C-alpha atoms as a PDB file:
ATOM      1  CA  UNK A   1     177.080  49.005  91.303  1.00  0.00           C
ATOM      2  CA  UNK A   2     177.632  45.633  89.898  1.00  0.00           C
ATOM      3  CA  UNK A   3     181.622  44.954  89.518  1.00  0.00           C
ATOM      4  CA  UNK A   4     182.699  45.170  86.052  1.00  0.00           C
ATOM      5  CA  UNK A   5     179.518  47.031  84.646  1.00  0.00           C
ATOM      6  CA  UNK A   6     180.059  50.637  83.861  1.00  0.00           C
ATOM      7  CA  UNK A   7     177.024  52.495  84.075  1.00  0.00           C
ATOM      8  CA  UNK A   8     176.009  54.827  81.131  1.00  0.00           C
ATOM      9  CA  UNK A   9     177.060  58.237  82.727  1.00  0.00           C
ATOM     10  CA  UNK A  10     174.792  60.177  80.398  1.00  0.00           C
ATOM     11  CA  UNK A  11     171.825  58.453  81.826  1.00  0.00           C
ATOM     12  CA  UNK A  12     173.194  58.746  85.085  1.00  0.00           C
ATOM     13  CA  UNK A  13     173.516  62.409  84.740  1.00  0.00           C
ATOM     14  CA  UNK A  14     170.194  62.757  83.353  1.00  0.00           C
ATOM     15  CA  UNK A  15     168.423  61.022  86.046  1.00  0.00           C
ATOM     16  CA  UNK A  16     170.362  63.180  88.744  1.00  0.00           C
ATOM     17  CA  UNK A  17     169.509  66.358  86.855  1.00  0.00           C
ATOM     18  CA  UNK A  18     165.776  65.230  86.963  1.00  0.00           C
ATOM     19  CA  UNK A  19     165.987  64.412  90.620  1.00  0.00           C
ATOM     20  CA  UNK A  20     167.763  68.065  91.107  1.00  0.00           C
ATOM     21  CA  UNK A  21     164.843  69.688  89.513  1.00  0.00           C
ATOM     22  CA  UNK A  22     162.073  67.991  91.282  1.00  0.00           C
ATOM     23  CA  UNK A  23     164.087  68.701  94.686  1.00  0.00           C
ATOM     24  CA  UNK A  24     163.987  72.481  93.592  1.00  0.00           C
ATOM     25  CA  UNK A  25     160.089  72.369  92.760  1.00  0.00           C
ATOM     26  CA  UNK A  26     159.393  70.793  95.993  1.00  0.00           C
ATOM     27  CA  UNK A  27     161.450  73.400  97.999  1.00  0.00           C
ATOM     28  CA  UNK A  28     159.595  76.182  95.943  1.00  0.00           C
ATOM     29  CA  UNK A  29     156.158  74.654  96.765  1.00  0.00           C
ATOM     30  CA  UNK A  30     157.282  74.366 100.535  1.00  0.00           C
ATOM     31  CA  UNK A  31     158.080  78.262 100.491  1.00  0.00           C
ATOM     32  CA  UNK A  32     154.733  78.911  98.704  1.00  0.00           C
ATOM     33  CA  UNK A  33     152.763  76.826 101.191  1.00  0.00           C
ATOM     34  CA  UNK A  34     154.503  78.657 104.039  1.00  0.00           C
ATOM     35  CA  UNK A  35     153.379  82.032 102.725  1.00  0.00           C
ATOM     36  CA  UNK A  36     149.574  80.783 102.323  1.00  0.00           C
ATOM     37  CA  UNK A  37     149.605  79.504 105.826  1.00  0.00           C
ATOM     38  CA  UNK A  38     151.178  82.532 107.314  1.00  0.00           C
ATOM     39  CA  UNK A  39     148.459  84.626 105.493  1.00  0.00           C
ATOM     40  CA  UNK A  40     145.766  82.665 106.903  1.00  0.00           C
ATOM     41  CA  UNK A  41     146.669  82.177 110.575  1.00  0.00           C
ATOM     42  CA  UNK A  42     145.859  84.383 113.323  1.00  0.00           C
ATOM     43  CA  UNK A  43     148.896  85.567 115.510  1.00  0.00           C
ATOM     44  CA  UNK A  44     147.949  83.321 118.100  1.00  0.00           C
ATOM     45  CA  UNK A  45     147.882  80.433 115.664  1.00  0.00           C
ATOM     46  CA  UNK A  46     151.484  81.312 114.389  1.00  0.00           C
ATOM     47  CA  UNK A  47     153.022  81.450 117.822  1.00  0.00           C
ATOM     48  CA  UNK A  48     151.294  77.950 118.723  1.00  0.00           C
ATOM     49  CA  UNK A  49     152.606  76.559 115.496  1.00  0.00           C
ATOM     50  CA  UNK A  50     155.965  78.007 116.108  1.00  0.00           C
ATOM     51  CA  UNK A  51     156.204  76.443 119.531  1.00  0.00           C
ATOM     52  CA  UNK A  52     155.103  73.050 118.134  1.00  0.00           C
ATOM     53  CA  UNK A  53     157.937  72.968 115.275  1.00  0.00           C
ATOM     54  CA  UNK A  54     160.486  74.067 117.777  1.00  0.00           C
ATOM     55  CA  UNK A  55     159.477  71.184 120.116  1.00  0.00           C
ATOM     56  CA  UNK A  56     159.429  68.954 117.423  1.00  0.00           C
ATOM     57  CA  UNK A  57     162.893  69.956 116.171  1.00  0.00           C
ATOM     58  CA  UNK A  58     164.410  69.865 119.513  1.00  0.00           C
ATOM     59  CA  UNK A  59     163.137  66.220 119.979  1.00  0.00           C
ATOM     60  CA  UNK A  60     164.513  65.378 116.500  1.00  0.00           C
ATOM     61  CA  UNK A  61     167.969  66.684 117.434  1.00  0.00           C
ATOM     62  CA  UNK A  62     167.718  64.753 120.835  1.00  0.00           C
ATOM     63  CA  UNK A  63     167.164  61.643 118.871  1.00  0.00           C
ATOM     64  CA  UNK A  64     169.640  62.138 115.956  1.00  0.00           C
ATOM     65  CA  UNK A  65     171.821  64.481 117.025  1.00  0.00           C
ATOM     66  CA  UNK A  66     172.556  68.227 115.796  1.00  0.00           C
ATOM     67  CA  UNK A  67     174.221  68.886 112.276  1.00  0.00           C
ATOM     68  CA  UNK A  68     176.523  71.305 113.838  1.00  0.00           C
ATOM     69  CA  UNK A  69     178.088  68.544 116.143  1.00  0.00           C
END
């Protein structure tokens, strides 16, 4: 923010609401995608995917730390 210049809070609110709405849509699409993937994969493929995701998130936590810390 530039000193001495006040933002138009109505514009700011509108922009934030648009961003929020888009984030909701993204999350809904991720959930839908997960269901579609789940319906296609075999039990063995699901197990492999689960293990790969676990390894990914473990590696991510080692790099950036846990949110619970």
